[in-house]
Amino acid sequence: MTAEFAVVLPAALMVLALAVGSIMLATHRLVLSSAASEVARLEARGDSAAAGARLGDLGAGVNVQRHSLGVLHCVTLSSAPMGGLLARIAVSARGCAAMSGATP
């Protein structure tokens, strides 16, 4: 093993770890975004049982906040994606849907 390789190897591993971590964060945000939109639609049409089942699929570490903006029902989901250093980064996503039967 040469000295140049010994110097470059830790840097290359660090770049690889950062790339994998960023992909994991982006994937987690995509999952939360999709789930927030789906839960907002289900709750806006009054299907709270299906919305609860969808939230149950996400796991125990997901925080849910609900609020209304006029005729829109919005759901915000947030959680930390994994353990280790990524656990310190909170990821959140919001989805909104028009409530059925609501008038502006």
PDB file of N, CA and C in Angstrom:
ATOM      1  N   MET A   1       0.854  -1.181   0.000  1.00  0.00           N
ATOM      2  CA  MET A   1       0.000   0.000   0.000  1.00  0.00           C
ATOM      3  C   MET A   1       0.897   1.239   0.000  1.00  0.00           C
ATOM      4  N   THR A   2       0.621   2.140  -0.902  1.00  0.00           N
ATOM      5  CA  THR A   2       1.423   3.356  -0.998  1.00  0.00           C
ATOM      6  C   THR A   2       0.864   4.429  -0.081  1.00  0.00           C
ATOM      7  N   ALA A   3       1.677   5.434   0.149  1.00  0.00           N
ATOM      8  CA  ALA A   3       1.264   6.532   1.025  1.00  0.00           C
ATOM      9  C   ALA A   3       0.106   7.318   0.417  1.00  0.00           C
ATOM     10  N   GLU A   4       0.118   7.459  -0.914  1.00  0.00           N
ATOM     11  CA  GLU A   4      -0.961   8.196  -1.568  1.00  0.00           C
ATOM     12  C   GLU A   4      -2.300   7.488  -1.387  1.00  0.00           C
ATOM     13  N   PHE A   5      -2.276   6.179  -1.511  1.00  0.00           N
ATOM     14  CA  PHE A   5      -3.506   5.397  -1.332  1.00  0.00           C
ATOM     15  C   PHE A   5      -4.010   5.508   0.108  1.00  0.00           C
ATOM     16  N   ALA A   6      -3.098   5.487   1.061  1.00  0.00           N
ATOM     17  CA  ALA A   6      -3.475   5.603   2.476  1.00  0.00           C
ATOM     18  C   ALA A   6      -4.088   6.965   2.781  1.00  0.00           C
ATOM     19  N   VAL A   7      -3.700   7.977   2.052  1.00  0.00           N
ATOM     20  CA  VAL A   7      -4.258   9.317   2.261  1.00  0.00           C
ATOM     21  C   VAL A   7      -5.609   9.458   1.560  1.00  0.00           C
ATOM     22  N   VAL A   8      -5.743   8.879   0.381  1.00  0.00           N
ATOM     23  CA  VAL A   8      -6.953   9.038  -0.417  1.00  0.00           C
ATOM     24  C   VAL A   8      -8.090   8.140   0.079  1.00  0.00           C
ATOM     25  N   LEU A   9      -7.783   6.977   0.607  1.00  0.00           N
ATOM     26  CA  LEU A   9      -8.814   6.028   1.025  1.00  0.00           C
ATOM     27  C   LEU A   9      -9.798   6.611   2.047  1.00  0.00           C
ATOM     28  N   PRO A  10      -9.350   7.248   3.135  1.00  0.00           N
ATOM     29  CA  PRO A  10     -10.331   7.828   4.073  1.00  0.00           C
ATOM     30  C   PRO A  10     -11.209   8.908   3.433  1.00  0.00           C
ATOM     31  N   ALA A  11     -10.639   9.706   2.553  1.00  0.00           N
ATOM     32  CA  ALA A  11     -11.425  10.746   1.881  1.00  0.00           C
ATOM     33  C   ALA A  11     -12.472  10.126   0.968  1.00  0.00           C
ATOM     34  N   ALA A  12     -12.091   9.084   0.251  1.00  0.00           N
ATOM     35  CA  ALA A  12     -13.040   8.409  -0.636  1.00  0.00           C
ATOM     36  C   ALA A  12     -14.158   7.748   0.158  1.00  0.00           C
ATOM     37  N   LEU A  13     -13.811   7.150   1.285  1.00  0.00           N
ATOM     38  CA  LEU A  13     -14.846   6.544   2.140  1.00  0.00           C
ATOM     39  C   LEU A  13     -15.782   7.597   2.722  1.00  0.00           C
ATOM     40  N   MET A  14     -15.259   8.756   3.054  1.00  0.00           N
ATOM     41  CA  MET A  14     -16.091   9.844   3.581  1.00  0.00           C
ATOM     42  C   MET A  14     -17.070  10.331   2.513  1.00  0.00           C
ATOM     43  N   VAL A  15     -16.597  10.491   1.283  1.00  0.00           N
ATOM     44  CA  VAL A  15     -17.465  10.920   0.179  1.00  0.00           C
ATOM     45  C   VAL A  15     -18.546   9.869  -0.066  1.00  0.00           C
ATOM     46  N   LEU A  16     -18.180   8.595  -0.032  1.00  0.00           N
ATOM     47  CA  LEU A  16     -19.148   7.521  -0.211  1.00  0.00           C
ATOM     48  C   LEU A  16     -20.198   7.528   0.898  1.00  0.00           C
ATOM     49  N   ALA A  17     -19.762   7.715   2.140  1.00  0.00           N
ATOM     50  CA  ALA A  17     -20.704   7.760   3.267  1.00  0.00           C
ATOM     51  C   ALA A  17     -21.660   8.948   3.134  1.00  0.00           C
ATOM     52  N   LEU A  18     -21.150  10.099   2.718  1.00  0.00           N
ATOM     53  CA  LEU A  18     -22.012  11.271   2.522  1.00  0.00           C
ATOM     54  C   LEU A  18     -23.019  11.040   1.405  1.00  0.00           C
ATOM     55  N   ALA A  19     -22.592  10.398   0.339  1.00  0.00           N
ATOM     56  CA  ALA A  19     -23.507  10.118  -0.772  1.00  0.00           C
ATOM     57  C   ALA A  19     -24.608   9.157  -0.348  1.00  0.00           C
ATOM     58  N   VAL A  20     -24.247   8.105   0.355  1.00  0.00           N
ATOM     59  CA  VAL A  20     -25.256   7.136   0.817  1.00  0.00           C
ATOM     60  C   VAL A  20     -26.205   7.799   1.808  1.00  0.00           C
ATOM     61  N   GLY A  21     -25.678   8.615   2.714  1.00  0.00           N
ATOM     62  CA  GLY A  21     -26.530   9.314   3.680  1.00  0.00           C
ATOM     63  C   GLY A  21     -27.500  10.265   3.013  1.00  0.00           C
ATOM     64  N   SER A  22     -27.042  10.992   1.999  1.00  0.00           N
ATOM     65  CA  SER A  22     -27.939  11.932   1.312  1.00  0.00           C
ATOM     66  C   SER A  22     -29.018  11.188   0.538  1.00  0.00           C
ATOM     67  N   ILE A  23     -28.684  10.041  -0.028  1.00  0.00           N
ATOM     68  CA  ILE A  23     -29.697   9.237  -0.725  1.00  0.00           C
ATOM     69  C   ILE A  23     -30.734   8.717   0.268  1.00  0.00           C
ATOM     70  N   MET A  24     -30.278   8.296   1.442  1.00  0.00           N
ATOM     71  CA  MET A  24     -31.215   7.816   2.463  1.00  0.00           C
ATOM     72  C   MET A  24     -32.141   8.930   2.940  1.00  0.00           C
ATOM     73  N   LEU A  25     -31.610  10.129   3.128  1.00  0.00           N
ATOM     74  CA  LEU A  25     -32.445  11.267   3.547  1.00  0.00           C
ATOM     75  C   LEU A  25     -33.468  11.635   2.471  1.00  0.00           C
ATOM     76  N   ALA A  26     -33.041  11.650   1.226  1.00  0.00           N
ATOM     77  CA  ALA A  26     -33.956  11.987   0.133  1.00  0.00           C
ATOM     78  C   ALA A  26     -35.058  10.939  -0.001  1.00  0.00           C
ATOM     79  N   THR A  27     -34.702   9.682   0.146  1.00  0.00           N
ATOM     80  CA  THR A  27     -35.701   8.615   0.078  1.00  0.00           C
ATOM     81  C   THR A  27     -36.695   8.718   1.217  1.00  0.00           C
ATOM     82  N   HIS A  28     -36.201   9.006   2.408  1.00  0.00           N
ATOM     83  CA  HIS A  28     -37.087   9.143   3.569  1.00  0.00           C
ATOM     84  C   HIS A  28     -38.045  10.313   3.383  1.00  0.00           C
ATOM     85  N   ARG A  29     -37.552  11.405   2.839  1.00  0.00           N
ATOM     86  CA  ARG A  29     -38.418  12.575   2.597  1.00  0.00           C
ATOM     87  C   ARG A  29     -39.484  12.253   1.557  1.00  0.00           C
ATOM     88  N   LEU A  30     -39.108  11.496   0.553  1.00  0.00           N
ATOM     89  CA  LEU A  30     -40.068  11.100  -0.476  1.00  0.00           C
ATOM     90  C   LEU A  30     -41.179  10.225   0.113  1.00  0.00           C
ATOM     91  N   VAL A  31     -40.808   9.296   0.977  1.00  0.00           N
ATOM     92  CA  VAL A  31     -41.792   8.429   1.630  1.00  0.00           C
ATOM     93  C   VAL A  31     -42.726   9.256   2.501  1.00  0.00           C
ATOM     94  N   LEU A  32     -42.166  10.192   3.275  1.00  0.00           N
ATOM     95  CA  LEU A  32     -43.004  11.040   4.129  1.00  0.00           C
ATOM     96  C   LEU A  32     -43.925  11.925   3.302  1.00  0.00           C
ATOM     97  N   SER A  33     -43.435  12.468   2.215  1.00  0.00           N
ATOM     98  CA  SER A  33     -44.242  13.330   1.360  1.00  0.00           C
ATOM     99  C   SER A  33     -45.417  12.571   0.760  1.00  0.00           C
ATOM    100  N   SER A  34     -45.154  11.394   0.276  1.00  0.00           N
ATOM    101  CA  SER A  34     -46.212  10.567  -0.294  1.00  0.00           C
ATOM    102  C   SER A  34     -47.245  10.193   0.768  1.00  0.00           C
ATOM    103  N   ALA A  35     -46.769   9.806   1.945  1.00  0.00           N
ATOM    104  CA  ALA A  35     -47.686   9.417   3.019  1.00  0.00           C
ATOM    105  C   ALA A  35     -48.499  10.604   3.524  1.00  0.00           C
ATOM    106  N   ALA A  36     -47.882  11.778   3.630  1.00  0.00           N
ATOM    107  CA  ALA A  36     -48.611  12.965   4.090  1.00  0.00           C
ATOM    108  C   ALA A  36     -49.737  13.319   3.130  1.00  0.00           C
ATOM    109  N   SER A  37     -49.468  13.243   1.842  1.00  0.00           N
ATOM    110  CA  SER A  37     -50.504  13.538   0.852  1.00  0.00           C
ATOM    111  C   SER A  37     -51.631  12.519   0.911  1.00  0.00           C
ATOM    112  N   GLU A  38     -51.263  11.251   1.051  1.00  0.00           N
ATOM    113  CA  GLU A  38     -52.276  10.200   1.104  1.00  0.00           C
ATOM    114  C   GLU A  38     -53.137  10.311   2.360  1.00  0.00           C
ATOM    115  N   VAL A  39     -52.501  10.549   3.508  1.00  0.00           N
ATOM    116  CA  VAL A  39     -53.254  10.685   4.759  1.00  0.00           C
ATOM    117  C   VAL A  39     -54.154  11.913   4.712  1.00  0.00           C
ATOM    118  N   ALA A  40     -53.671  13.020   4.151  1.00  0.00           N
ATOM    119  CA  ALA A  40     -54.495  14.229   4.030  1.00  0.00           C
ATOM    120  C   ALA A  40     -55.728  13.951   3.176  1.00  0.00           C
ATOM    121  N   ARG A  41     -55.553  13.253   2.053  1.00  0.00           N
ATOM    122  CA  ARG A  41     -56.706  12.918   1.193  1.00  0.00           C
ATOM    123  C   ARG A  41     -57.701  12.018   1.930  1.00  0.00           C
ATOM    124  N   LEU A  42     -57.176  10.994   2.609  1.00  0.00           N
ATOM    125  CA  LEU A  42     -58.070  10.066   3.314  1.00  0.00           C
ATOM    126  C   LEU A  42     -58.842  10.767   4.422  1.00  0.00           C
ATOM    127  N   GLU A  43     -58.162  11.597   5.203  1.00  0.00           N
ATOM    128  CA  GLU A  43     -58.839  12.303   6.290  1.00  0.00           C
ATOM    129  C   GLU A  43     -59.792  13.366   5.760  1.00  0.00           C
ATOM    130  N   ALA A  44     -59.467  14.010   4.653  1.00  0.00           N
ATOM    131  CA  ALA A  44     -60.336  15.049   4.090  1.00  0.00           C
ATOM    132  C   ALA A  44     -61.648  14.471   3.602  1.00  0.00           C
ATOM    133  N   ARG A  45     -61.642  13.231   3.161  1.00  0.00           N
ATOM    134  CA  ARG A  45     -62.891  12.615   2.720  1.00  0.00           C
ATOM    135  C   ARG A  45     -63.580  11.822   3.823  1.00  0.00           C
ATOM    136  N   GLY A  46     -63.003  11.837   5.046  1.00  0.00           N
ATOM    137  CA  GLY A  46     -63.646  11.219   6.203  1.00  0.00           C
ATOM    138  C   GLY A  46     -63.274   9.773   6.452  1.00  0.00           C
ATOM    139  N   ASP A  47     -62.270   9.261   5.805  1.00  0.00           N
ATOM    140  CA  ASP A  47     -61.857   7.865   5.977  1.00  0.00           C
ATOM    141  C   ASP A  47     -60.716   7.788   6.988  1.00  0.00           C
ATOM    142  N   SER A  48     -61.050   8.024   8.259  1.00  0.00           N
ATOM    143  CA  SER A  48     -60.011   8.071   9.288  1.00  0.00           C
ATOM    144  C   SER A  48     -59.431   6.688   9.593  1.00  0.00           C
ATOM    145  N   ALA A  49     -60.186   5.618   9.369  1.00  0.00           N
ATOM    146  CA  ALA A  49     -59.667   4.269   9.622  1.00  0.00           C
ATOM    147  C   ALA A  49     -58.528   3.942   8.651  1.00  0.00           C
ATOM    148  N   ALA A  50     -58.719   4.246   7.386  1.00  0.00           N
ATOM    149  CA  ALA A  50     -57.664   3.998   6.395  1.00  0.00           C
ATOM    150  C   ALA A  50     -56.469   4.917   6.630  1.00  0.00           C
ATOM    151  N   ALA A  51     -56.732   6.154   7.057  1.00  0.00           N
ATOM    152  CA  ALA A  51     -55.640   7.080   7.355  1.00  0.00           C
ATOM    153  C   ALA A  51     -54.820   6.575   8.541  1.00  0.00           C
ATOM    154  N   GLY A  52     -55.485   6.059   9.557  1.00  0.00           N
ATOM    155  CA  GLY A  52     -54.780   5.499  10.709  1.00  0.00           C
ATOM    156  C   GLY A  52     -53.960   4.278  10.335  1.00  0.00           C
ATOM    157  N   ALA A  53     -54.497   3.451   9.446  1.00  0.00           N
ATOM    158  CA  ALA A  53     -53.750   2.284   8.982  1.00  0.00           C
ATOM    159  C   ALA A  53     -52.512   2.712   8.202  1.00  0.00           C
ATOM    160  N   ARG A  54     -52.643   3.746   7.383  1.00  0.00           N
ATOM    161  CA  ARG A  54     -51.494   4.235   6.606  1.00  0.00           C
ATOM    162  C   ARG A  54     -50.436   4.816   7.523  1.00  0.00           C
ATOM    163  N   LEU A  55     -50.864   5.535   8.564  1.00  0.00           N
ATOM    164  CA  LEU A  55     -49.910   6.068   9.529  1.00  0.00           C
ATOM    165  C   LEU A  55     -49.232   4.943  10.302  1.00  0.00           C
ATOM    166  N   GLY A  56     -49.975   3.883  10.582  1.00  0.00           N
ATOM    167  CA  GLY A  56     -49.402   2.739  11.271  1.00  0.00           C
ATOM    168  C   GLY A  56     -48.325   2.051  10.451  1.00  0.00           C
ATOM    169  N   ASP A  57     -48.460   2.103   9.124  1.00  0.00           N
ATOM    170  CA  ASP A  57     -47.452   1.512   8.245  1.00  0.00           C
ATOM    171  C   ASP A  57     -46.109   2.246   8.330  1.00  0.00           C
ATOM    172  N   LEU A  58     -46.139   3.511   8.738  1.00  0.00           N
ATOM    173  CA  LEU A  58     -44.915   4.307   8.773  1.00  0.00           C
ATOM    174  C   LEU A  58     -44.040   3.998   9.976  1.00  0.00           C
ATOM    175  N   GLY A  59     -44.603   3.465  11.036  1.00  0.00           N
ATOM    176  CA  GLY A  59     -43.815   3.155  12.227  1.00  0.00           C
ATOM    177  C   GLY A  59     -44.097   4.121  13.361  1.00  0.00           C
ATOM    178  N   ALA A  60     -43.437   3.872  14.483  1.00  0.00           N
ATOM    179  CA  ALA A  60     -43.721   4.615  15.705  1.00  0.00           C
ATOM    180  C   ALA A  60     -43.002   5.950  15.795  1.00  0.00           C
ATOM    181  N   GLY A  61     -41.952   6.172  15.047  1.00  0.00           N
ATOM    182  CA  GLY A  61     -41.159   7.386  15.194  1.00  0.00           C
ATOM    183  C   GLY A  61     -41.650   8.578  14.404  1.00  0.00           C
ATOM    184  N   VAL A  62     -42.854   8.515  13.853  1.00  0.00           N
ATOM    185  CA  VAL A  62     -43.356   9.595  13.001  1.00  0.00           C
ATOM    186  C   VAL A  62     -44.289  10.496  13.821  1.00  0.00           C
ATOM    187  N   ASN A  63     -44.013  11.796  13.803  1.00  0.00           N
ATOM    188  CA  ASN A  63     -44.870  12.788  14.463  1.00  0.00           C
ATOM    189  C   ASN A  63     -45.871  13.325  13.454  1.00  0.00           C
ATOM    190  N   VAL A  64     -47.127  13.437  13.884  1.00  0.00           N
ATOM    191  CA  VAL A  64     -48.204  13.882  12.990  1.00  0.00           C
ATOM    192  C   VAL A  64     -48.788  15.181  13.524  1.00  0.00           C
ATOM    193  N   GLN A  65     -48.929  16.161  12.645  1.00  0.00           N
ATOM    194  CA  GLN A  65     -49.610  17.417  12.977  1.00  0.00           C
ATOM    195  C   GLN A  65     -50.673  17.665  11.924  1.00  0.00           C
ATOM    196  N   ARG A  66     -51.856  18.038  12.382  1.00  0.00           N
ATOM    197  CA  ARG A  66     -52.972  18.316  11.470  1.00  0.00           C
ATOM    198  C   ARG A  66     -53.436  19.752  11.675  1.00  0.00           C
ATOM    199  N   HIS A  67     -53.792  20.407  10.586  1.00  0.00           N
ATOM    200  CA  HIS A  67     -54.382  21.742  10.670  1.00  0.00           C
ATOM    201  C   HIS A  67     -55.182  22.021   9.414  1.00  0.00           C
ATOM    202  N   SER A  68     -56.044  23.013   9.503  1.00  0.00           N
ATOM    203  CA  SER A  68     -56.893  23.380   8.374  1.00  0.00           C
ATOM    204  C   SER A  68     -56.522  24.765   7.875  1.00  0.00           C
ATOM    205  N   LEU A  69     -56.533  24.908   6.568  1.00  0.00           N
ATOM    206  CA  LEU A  69     -56.312  26.195   5.912  1.00  0.00           C
ATOM    207  C   LEU A  69     -57.521  26.458   5.024  1.00  0.00           C
ATOM    208  N   GLY A  70     -58.549  27.053   5.584  1.00  0.00           N
ATOM    209  CA  GLY A  70     -59.783  27.265   4.825  1.00  0.00           C
ATOM    210  C   GLY A  70     -60.448  25.933   4.556  1.00  0.00           C
ATOM    211  N   VAL A  71     -60.610  25.583   3.284  1.00  0.00           N
ATOM    212  CA  VAL A  71     -61.235  24.312   2.923  1.00  0.00           C
ATOM    213  C   VAL A  71     -60.209  23.185   2.791  1.00  0.00           C
ATOM    214  N   LEU A  72     -58.945  23.499   3.037  1.00  0.00           N
ATOM    215  CA  LEU A  72     -57.890  22.487   2.926  1.00  0.00           C
ATOM    216  C   LEU A  72     -57.610  21.835   4.280  1.00  0.00           C
ATOM    217  N   HIS A  73     -57.449  20.538   4.253  1.00  0.00           N
ATOM    218  CA  HIS A  73     -57.020  19.789   5.434  1.00  0.00           C
ATOM    219  C   HIS A  73     -55.564  19.404   5.188  1.00  0.00           C
ATOM    220  N   CYS A  74     -54.668  19.832   6.075  1.00  0.00           N
ATOM    221  CA  CYS A  74     -53.238  19.595   5.880  1.00  0.00           C
ATOM    222  C   CYS A  74     -52.694  18.672   6.966  1.00  0.00           C
ATOM    223  N   VAL A  75     -51.781  17.812   6.565  1.00  0.00           N
ATOM    224  CA  VAL A  75     -51.116  16.873   7.468  1.00  0.00           C
ATOM    225  C   VAL A  75     -49.616  17.057   7.286  1.00  0.00           C
ATOM    226  N   THR A  76     -48.912  17.250   8.405  1.00  0.00           N
ATOM    227  CA  THR A  76     -47.459  17.360   8.382  1.00  0.00           C
ATOM    228  C   THR A  76     -46.882  16.177   9.134  1.00  0.00           C
ATOM    229  N   LEU A  77     -45.999  15.438   8.476  1.00  0.00           N
ATOM    230  CA  LEU A  77     -45.327  14.296   9.085  1.00  0.00           C
ATOM    231  C   LEU A  77     -43.856  14.634   9.240  1.00  0.00           C
ATOM    232  N   SER A  78     -43.278  14.284  10.384  1.00  0.00           N
ATOM    233  CA  SER A  78     -41.855  14.505  10.597  1.00  0.00           C
ATOM    234  C   SER A  78     -41.273  13.348  11.395  1.00  0.00           C
ATOM    235  N   SER A  79     -40.019  13.041  11.105  1.00  0.00           N
ATOM    236  CA  SER A  79     -39.320  11.978  11.826  1.00  0.00           C
ATOM    237  C   SER A  79     -37.841  12.045  11.504  1.00  0.00           C
ATOM    238  N   ALA A  80     -37.068  11.298  12.273  1.00  0.00           N
ATOM    239  CA  ALA A  80     -35.647  11.118  11.994  1.00  0.00           C
ATOM    240  C   ALA A  80     -35.507   9.813  11.230  1.00  0.00           C
ATOM    241  N   PRO A  81     -34.742   9.807  10.146  1.00  0.00           N
ATOM    242  CA  PRO A  81     -34.734   8.645   9.272  1.00  0.00           C
ATOM    243  C   PRO A  81     -34.142   7.376   9.856  1.00  0.00           C
ATOM    244  N   MET A  82     -33.032   7.447  10.544  1.00  0.00           N
ATOM    245  CA  MET A  82     -32.361   6.242  11.023  1.00  0.00           C
ATOM    246  C   MET A  82     -31.553   6.578  12.260  1.00  0.00           C
ATOM    247  N   GLY A  83     -30.805   5.612  12.717  1.00  0.00           N
ATOM    248  CA  GLY A  83     -29.929   5.825  13.858  1.00  0.00           C
ATOM    249  C   GLY A  83     -28.616   6.455  13.429  1.00  0.00           C
ATOM    250  N   GLY A  84     -27.706   6.556  14.355  1.00  0.00           N
ATOM    251  CA  GLY A  84     -26.399   7.125  14.066  1.00  0.00           C
ATOM    252  C   GLY A  84     -26.455   8.630  13.895  1.00  0.00           C
ATOM    253  N   LEU A  85     -25.604   9.140  13.043  1.00  0.00           N
ATOM    254  CA  LEU A  85     -25.543  10.584  12.819  1.00  0.00           C
ATOM    255  C   LEU A  85     -26.793  11.124  12.135  1.00  0.00           C
ATOM    256  N   LEU A  86     -27.458  10.290  11.323  1.00  0.00           N
ATOM    257  CA  LEU A  86     -28.665  10.746  10.633  1.00  0.00           C
ATOM    258  C   LEU A  86     -29.841  10.950  11.586  1.00  0.00           C
ATOM    259  N   ALA A  87     -29.785  10.378  12.777  1.00  0.00           N
ATOM    260  CA  ALA A  87     -30.879  10.535  13.734  1.00  0.00           C
ATOM    261  C   ALA A  87     -31.008  11.977  14.223  1.00  0.00           C
ATOM    262  N   ARG A  88     -29.969  12.761  14.052  1.00  0.00           N
ATOM    263  CA  ARG A  88     -30.012  14.163  14.488  1.00  0.00           C
ATOM    264  C   ARG A  88     -30.671  15.079  13.472  1.00  0.00           C
ATOM    265  N   ILE A  89     -30.928  14.563  12.289  1.00  0.00           N
ATOM    266  CA  ILE A  89     -31.538  15.360  11.218  1.00  0.00           C
ATOM    267  C   ILE A  89     -33.021  15.016  11.141  1.00  0.00           C
ATOM    268  N   ALA A  90     -33.868  16.013  11.338  1.00  0.00           N
ATOM    269  CA  ALA A  90     -35.315  15.800  11.237  1.00  0.00           C
ATOM    270  C   ALA A  90     -35.768  16.061   9.800  1.00  0.00           C
ATOM    271  N   VAL A  91     -36.578  15.157   9.299  1.00  0.00           N
ATOM    272  CA  VAL A  91     -37.125  15.281   7.948  1.00  0.00           C
ATOM    273  C   VAL A  91     -38.628  15.453   8.090  1.00  0.00           C
ATOM    274  N   SER A  92     -39.207  16.388   7.349  1.00  0.00           N
ATOM    275  CA  SER A  92     -40.654  16.589   7.435  1.00  0.00           C
ATOM    276  C   SER A  92     -41.233  16.817   6.043  1.00  0.00           C
ATOM    277  N   ALA A  93     -42.528  16.536   5.947  1.00  0.00           N
ATOM    278  CA  ALA A  93     -43.243  16.736   4.685  1.00  0.00           C
ATOM    279  C   ALA A  93     -44.685  17.085   5.005  1.00  0.00           C
ATOM    280  N   ARG A  94     -45.304  17.890   4.141  1.00  0.00           N
ATOM    281  CA  ARG A  94     -46.686  18.312   4.353  1.00  0.00           C
ATOM    282  C   ARG A  94     -47.498  18.018   3.115  1.00  0.00           C
ATOM    283  N   GLY A  95     -48.702  17.517   3.354  1.00  0.00           N
ATOM    284  CA  GLY A  95     -49.640  17.274   2.273  1.00  0.00           C
ATOM    285  C   GLY A  95     -50.982  17.881   2.616  1.00  0.00           C
ATOM    286  N   CYS A  96     -51.660  18.451   1.639  1.00  0.00           N
ATOM    287  CA  CYS A  96     -52.969  19.074   1.851  1.00  0.00           C
ATOM    288  C   CYS A  96     -53.970  18.524   0.841  1.00  0.00           C
ATOM    289  N   ALA A  97     -55.220  18.492   1.256  1.00  0.00           N
ATOM    290  CA  ALA A  97     -56.302  18.041   0.366  1.00  0.00           C
ATOM    291  C   ALA A  97     -57.558  18.830   0.699  1.00  0.00           C
ATOM    292  N   ALA A  98     -58.387  19.030  -0.314  1.00  0.00           N
ATOM    293  CA  ALA A  98     -59.668  19.741  -0.107  1.00  0.00           C
ATOM    294  C   ALA A  98     -60.624  18.816   0.643  1.00  0.00           C
ATOM    295  N   MET A  99     -61.282  19.381   1.660  1.00  0.00           N
ATOM    296  CA  MET A  99     -62.241  18.601   2.445  1.00  0.00           C
ATOM    297  C   MET A  99     -63.520  18.408   1.645  1.00  0.00           C
ATOM    298  N   SER A 100     -64.042  17.172   1.684  1.00  0.00           N
ATOM    299  CA  SER A 100     -65.275  16.916   0.935  1.00  0.00           C
ATOM    300  C   SER A 100     -66.457  17.607   1.600  1.00  0.00           C
ATOM    301  N   GLY A 101     -67.250  18.223   0.782  1.00  0.00           N
ATOM    302  CA  GLY A 101     -68.436  18.918   1.268  1.00  0.00           C
ATOM    303  C   GLY A 101     -68.145  20.307   1.785  1.00  0.00           C
ATOM    304  N   ALA A 102     -66.896  20.756   1.760  1.00  0.00           N
ATOM    305  CA  ALA A 102     -66.555  22.079   2.262  1.00  0.00           C
ATOM    306  C   ALA A 102     -66.774  23.123   1.182  1.00  0.00           C
ATOM    307  N   THR A 103     -67.235  24.284   1.600  1.00  0.00           N
ATOM    308  CA  THR A 103     -67.414  25.402   0.666  1.00  0.00           C
ATOM    309  C   THR A 103     -66.485  26.536   1.076  1.00  0.00           C
ATOM    310  N   PRO A 104     -65.943  27.247   0.116  1.00  0.00           N
ATOM    311  CA  PRO A 104     -64.989  28.330   0.440  1.00  0.00           C
ATOM    312  C   PRO A 104     -65.587  29.509   1.140  1.00  0.00           C
TER     313      PRO A 104
END
